[in-house]
C-alpha atoms as a PDB file:
ATOM      1  CA  UNK A   1     -63.340 -10.930   0.624  1.00  0.00           C
ATOM      2  CA  UNK A   2     -65.880 -13.692   1.093  1.00  0.00           C
ATOM      3  CA  UNK A   3     -64.917 -17.318   0.519  1.00  0.00           C
ATOM      4  CA  UNK A   4     -65.979 -19.421  -2.423  1.00  0.00           C
ATOM      5  CA  UNK A   5     -68.457 -22.200  -1.763  1.00  0.00           C
ATOM      6  CA  UNK A   6     -70.702 -20.213   0.579  1.00  0.00           C
ATOM      7  CA  UNK A   7     -74.114 -18.827  -0.273  1.00  0.00           C
ATOM      8  CA  UNK A   8     -73.749 -15.160  -1.185  1.00  0.00           C
ATOM      9  CA  UNK A   9     -75.396 -12.956   1.455  1.00  0.00           C
ATOM     10  CA  UNK A  10     -78.675 -11.517   0.185  1.00  0.00           C
ATOM     11  CA  UNK A  11     -79.255  -7.775   0.146  1.00  0.00           C
ATOM     12  CA  UNK A  12     -81.537  -5.142  -1.347  1.00  0.00           C
ATOM     13  CA  UNK A  13     -80.231  -1.902  -2.871  1.00  0.00           C
ATOM     14  CA  UNK A  14     -81.645   0.765  -5.191  1.00  0.00           C
ATOM     15  CA  UNK A  15     -80.533   0.896  -8.814  1.00  0.00           C
ATOM     16  CA  UNK A  16     -79.789   3.950 -10.960  1.00  0.00           C
ATOM     17  CA  UNK A  17     -83.548   4.465 -11.423  1.00  0.00           C
ATOM     18  CA  UNK A  18     -84.380   4.147  -7.716  1.00  0.00           C
ATOM     19  CA  UNK A  19     -85.823   0.635  -8.154  1.00  0.00           C
ATOM     20  CA  UNK A  20     -84.950  -1.907  -5.422  1.00  0.00           C
ATOM     21  CA  UNK A  21     -83.031  -5.034  -6.427  1.00  0.00           C
ATOM     22  CA  UNK A  22     -82.345  -8.035  -4.193  1.00  0.00           C
ATOM     23  CA  UNK A  23     -79.624 -10.511  -4.970  1.00  0.00           C
ATOM     24  CA  UNK A  24     -82.196 -13.283  -4.534  1.00  0.00           C
ATOM     25  CA  UNK A  25     -84.218 -11.744  -7.425  1.00  0.00           C
ATOM     26  CA  UNK A  26     -81.599 -13.223  -9.750  1.00  0.00           C
ATOM     27  CA  UNK A  27     -81.736 -16.860  -8.607  1.00  0.00           C
ATOM     28  CA  UNK A  28     -81.669 -19.099 -11.650  1.00  0.00           C
ATOM     29  CA  UNK A  29     -79.086 -16.877 -13.354  1.00  0.00           C
ATOM     30  CA  UNK A  30     -75.357 -16.476 -12.915  1.00  0.00           C
ATOM     31  CA  UNK A  31     -74.475 -13.186 -11.268  1.00  0.00           C
ATOM     32  CA  UNK A  32     -71.345 -11.132 -11.793  1.00  0.00           C
ATOM     33  CA  UNK A  33     -71.359  -8.912  -8.714  1.00  0.00           C
ATOM     34  CA  UNK A  34     -68.627  -6.322  -8.911  1.00  0.00           C
ATOM     35  CA  UNK A  35     -67.671  -3.671  -6.398  1.00  0.00           C
ATOM     36  CA  UNK A  36     -65.935  -0.549  -7.635  1.00  0.00           C
ATOM     37  CA  UNK A  37     -64.673   2.634  -5.935  1.00  0.00           C
ATOM     38  CA  UNK A  38     -66.371   5.551  -7.711  1.00  0.00           C
ATOM     39  CA  UNK A  39     -68.508   6.534 -10.698  1.00  0.00           C
ATOM     40  CA  UNK A  40     -66.802   8.491 -13.489  1.00  0.00           C
ATOM     41  CA  UNK A  41     -63.204   7.750 -12.483  1.00  0.00           C
ATOM     42  CA  UNK A  42     -60.889   6.406 -15.173  1.00  0.00           C
ATOM     43  CA  UNK A  43     -60.576   2.804 -13.943  1.00  0.00           C
ATOM     44  CA  UNK A  44     -64.231   2.479 -12.995  1.00  0.00           C
ATOM     45  CA  UNK A  45     -65.323   3.924 -16.343  1.00  0.00           C
ATOM     46  CA  UNK A  46     -63.066   1.517 -18.250  1.00  0.00           C
ATOM     47  CA  UNK A  47     -64.406  -1.441 -16.250  1.00  0.00           C
ATOM     48  CA  UNK A  48     -68.051  -0.425 -16.728  1.00  0.00           C
ATOM     49  CA  UNK A  49     -67.655   0.252 -20.458  1.00  0.00           C
ATOM     50  CA  UNK A  50     -65.930  -3.105 -20.966  1.00  0.00           C
ATOM     51  CA  UNK A  51     -68.778  -4.867 -19.147  1.00  0.00           C
ATOM     52  CA  UNK A  52     -71.222  -2.936 -21.364  1.00  0.00           C
ATOM     53  CA  UNK A  53     -69.465  -4.062 -24.565  1.00  0.00           C
ATOM     54  CA  UNK A  54     -69.508  -7.700 -23.443  1.00  0.00           C
ATOM     55  CA  UNK A  55     -73.106  -7.616 -22.151  1.00  0.00           C
ATOM     56  CA  UNK A  56     -74.602  -9.558 -25.104  1.00  0.00           C
ATOM     57  CA  UNK A  57     -72.203 -12.430 -24.324  1.00  0.00           C
ATOM     58  CA  UNK A  58     -73.097 -12.385 -20.628  1.00  0.00           C
ATOM     59  CA  UNK A  59     -76.780 -12.522 -21.547  1.00  0.00           C
ATOM     60  CA  UNK A  60     -76.167 -15.439 -23.952  1.00  0.00           C
ATOM     61  CA  UNK A  61     -74.722 -17.307 -20.956  1.00  0.00           C
ATOM     62  CA  UNK A  62     -77.695 -16.549 -18.653  1.00  0.00           C
ATOM     63  CA  UNK A  63     -75.653 -14.070 -16.602  1.00  0.00           C
ATOM     64  CA  UNK A  64     -76.440 -10.646 -15.191  1.00  0.00           C
ATOM     65  CA  UNK A  65     -73.934  -7.993 -14.182  1.00  0.00           C
ATOM     66  CA  UNK A  66     -74.505  -5.891 -11.069  1.00  0.00           C
ATOM     67  CA  UNK A  67     -72.118  -3.056 -10.223  1.00  0.00           C
ATOM     68  CA  UNK A  68     -72.027  -1.760  -6.629  1.00  0.00           C
ATOM     69  CA  UNK A  69     -70.411   1.391  -5.258  1.00  0.00           C
ATOM     70  CA  UNK A  70     -71.092   3.822  -2.441  1.00  0.00           C
ATOM     71  CA  UNK A  71     -72.224   6.471  -4.934  1.00  0.00           C
ATOM     72  CA  UNK A  72     -75.797   7.752  -4.843  1.00  0.00           C
ATOM     73  CA  UNK A  73     -78.683   6.759  -7.111  1.00  0.00           C
ATOM     74  CA  UNK A  74     -78.341  10.168  -8.847  1.00  0.00           C
ATOM     75  CA  UNK A  75     -74.614   9.649  -9.426  1.00  0.00           C
ATOM     76  CA  UNK A  76     -75.275   6.182 -10.872  1.00  0.00           C
ATOM     77  CA  UNK A  77     -77.961   7.618 -13.174  1.00  0.00           C
ATOM     78  CA  UNK A  78     -75.556  10.234 -14.562  1.00  0.00           C
ATOM     79  CA  UNK A  79     -72.823   7.604 -14.987  1.00  0.00           C
ATOM     80  CA  UNK A  80     -75.217   5.238 -16.767  1.00  0.00           C
ATOM     81  CA  UNK A  81     -76.541   7.949 -19.090  1.00  0.00           C
ATOM     82  CA  UNK A  82     -73.112   9.421 -19.880  1.00  0.00           C
ATOM     83  CA  UNK A  83     -71.758   6.072 -21.121  1.00  0.00           C
ATOM     84  CA  UNK A  84     -74.975   4.288 -22.160  1.00  0.00           C
ATOM     85  CA  UNK A  85     -74.397   1.505 -19.618  1.00  0.00           C
ATOM     86  CA  UNK A  86     -76.745  -1.440 -20.244  1.00  0.00           C
ATOM     87  CA  UNK A  87     -76.620  -3.145 -16.861  1.00  0.00           C
ATOM     88  CA  UNK A  88     -77.645  -2.434 -13.276  1.00  0.00           C
ATOM     89  CA  UNK A  89     -75.693  -0.163 -10.943  1.00  0.00           C
ATOM     90  CA  UNK A  90     -76.582  -0.413  -7.263  1.00  0.00           C
ATOM     91  CA  UNK A  91     -76.179   2.406  -4.741  1.00  0.00           C
ATOM     92  CA  UNK A  92     -74.762   1.389  -1.346  1.00  0.00           C
ATOM     93  CA  UNK A  93     -74.411   4.842   0.209  1.00  0.00           C
ATOM     94  CA  UNK A  94     -74.365   3.405   3.751  1.00  0.00           C
ATOM     95  CA  UNK A  95     -71.688   0.856   2.755  1.00  0.00           C
ATOM     96  CA  UNK A  96     -73.695  -1.971   4.355  1.00  0.00           C
ATOM     97  CA  UNK A  97     -73.312  -4.394   1.433  1.00  0.00           C
ATOM     98  CA  UNK A  98     -69.759  -3.216   0.761  1.00  0.00           C
ATOM     99  CA  UNK A  99     -68.890  -4.163   4.333  1.00  0.00           C
ATOM    100  CA  UNK A 100     -70.976  -7.366   4.197  1.00  0.00           C
ATOM    101  CA  UNK A 101     -68.914  -8.508   1.206  1.00  0.00           C
ATOM    102  CA  UNK A 102     -65.692  -7.442   2.937  1.00  0.00           C
ATOM    103  CA  UNK A 103     -64.450  -5.015   0.273  1.00  0.00           C
ATOM    104  CA  UNK A 104     -64.116  -1.885   2.469  1.00  0.00           C
ATOM    105  CA  UNK A 105     -60.416  -1.873   3.258  1.00  0.00           C
ATOM    106  CA  UNK A 106     -57.382   0.247   3.989  1.00  0.00           C
ATOM    107  CA  UNK A 107     -55.812   1.491   0.783  1.00  0.00           C
ATOM    108  CA  UNK A 108     -52.434   3.102   0.281  1.00  0.00           C
ATOM    109  CA  UNK A 109     -52.647   5.903  -2.245  1.00  0.00           C
ATOM    110  CA  UNK A 110     -49.418   7.769  -2.908  1.00  0.00           C
ATOM    111  CA  UNK A 111     -48.215   6.952   0.607  1.00  0.00           C
ATOM    112  CA  UNK A 112     -51.453   8.058   2.257  1.00  0.00           C
ATOM    113  CA  UNK A 113     -53.554   5.422   4.033  1.00  0.00           C
ATOM    114  CA  UNK A 114     -57.288   5.805   3.408  1.00  0.00           C
ATOM    115  CA  UNK A 115     -60.358   3.590   3.626  1.00  0.00           C
ATOM    116  CA  UNK A 116     -62.098   2.661   0.403  1.00  0.00           C
ATOM    117  CA  UNK A 117     -63.616   0.005  -1.802  1.00  0.00           C
ATOM    118  CA  UNK A 118     -61.091  -2.515  -3.087  1.00  0.00           C
ATOM    119  CA  UNK A 119     -62.136  -3.410  -6.644  1.00  0.00           C
ATOM    120  CA  UNK A 120     -63.548  -6.938  -6.171  1.00  0.00           C
ATOM    121  CA  UNK A 121     -65.689  -9.219  -8.318  1.00  0.00           C
ATOM    122  CA  UNK A 122     -67.742 -12.245  -7.343  1.00  0.00           C
ATOM    123  CA  UNK A 123     -69.201 -14.872  -9.631  1.00  0.00           C
ATOM    124  CA  UNK A 124     -72.338 -16.361  -8.104  1.00  0.00           C
ATOM    125  CA  UNK A 125     -74.040 -19.447  -9.528  1.00  0.00           C
ATOM    126  CA  UNK A 126     -77.730 -20.007 -10.251  1.00  0.00           C
ATOM    127  CA  UNK A 127     -78.347 -21.309  -6.704  1.00  0.00           C
ATOM    128  CA  UNK A 128     -76.734 -18.263  -5.097  1.00  0.00           C
ATOM    129  CA  UNK A 129     -73.380 -19.847  -4.201  1.00  0.00           C
ATOM    130  CA  UNK A 130     -70.121 -17.937  -4.655  1.00  0.00           C
ATOM    131  CA  UNK A 131     -68.056 -19.890  -7.175  1.00  0.00           C
ATOM    132  CA  UNK A 132     -65.263 -17.345  -7.663  1.00  0.00           C
ATOM    133  CA  UNK A 133     -64.036 -14.321  -5.709  1.00  0.00           C
ATOM    134  CA  UNK A 134     -61.432 -12.031  -7.234  1.00  0.00           C
ATOM    135  CA  UNK A 135     -59.863  -9.184  -5.271  1.00  0.00           C
ATOM    136  CA  UNK A 136     -57.769  -6.232  -6.442  1.00  0.00           C
ATOM    137  CA  UNK A 137     -58.811  -6.907 -10.025  1.00  0.00           C
ATOM    138  CA  UNK A 138     -57.505  -5.054 -13.063  1.00  0.00           C
ATOM    139  CA  UNK A 139     -60.316  -2.700 -14.123  1.00  0.00           C
ATOM    140  CA  UNK A 140     -59.821  -3.124 -17.861  1.00  0.00           C
ATOM    141  CA  UNK A 141     -59.280  -6.887 -17.884  1.00  0.00           C
ATOM    142  CA  UNK A 142     -61.870  -7.891 -15.280  1.00  0.00           C
ATOM    143  CA  UNK A 143     -64.939  -7.967 -17.590  1.00  0.00           C
ATOM    144  CA  UNK A 144     -63.220 -10.293 -20.090  1.00  0.00           C
ATOM    145  CA  UNK A 145     -61.882 -12.483 -17.297  1.00  0.00           C
ATOM    146  CA  UNK A 146     -65.369 -12.751 -15.800  1.00  0.00           C
ATOM    147  CA  UNK A 147     -66.915 -13.624 -19.160  1.00  0.00           C
ATOM    148  CA  UNK A 148     -64.452 -16.520 -19.528  1.00  0.00           C
ATOM    149  CA  UNK A 149     -65.433 -17.772 -16.059  1.00  0.00           C
ATOM    150  CA  UNK A 150     -69.143 -17.445 -16.833  1.00  0.00           C
ATOM    151  CA  UNK A 151     -68.669 -19.458 -20.029  1.00  0.00           C
ATOM    152  CA  UNK A 152     -66.770 -22.180 -18.129  1.00  0.00           C
ATOM    153  CA  UNK A 153     -69.476 -22.594 -15.477  1.00  0.00           C
END
């Protein structure tokens, strides 16, 4: 996980519609950048739907939400359409940004060690600086926790 206080590394990834987004495109807004393991899994769906429900409050606080996983653009599109998600999902199929943000880690699942995305959320301020980094977050509670942080900053 990256440290707070540093400028968040810039990147460009395609969204669920195949449109490129750079982190620097969002300067002047707060950014909730969250990394999640996989589209359409129970925890990831709960997290995404909770972000969706809170989206008007994020917007009121000049904040955008960007979800990143190693799923494809097509997978993100299906996920977005299935649940009516109203924010941007970014496809990092090569895991370049996932590795850049240090969220590709060993995971222990039922005694089996595998590599995967550790659910992690960053809050980035209007100048692009990381003001909060949260690792191993609770999927259901994370959106509400992030909204509280956005409102405080």
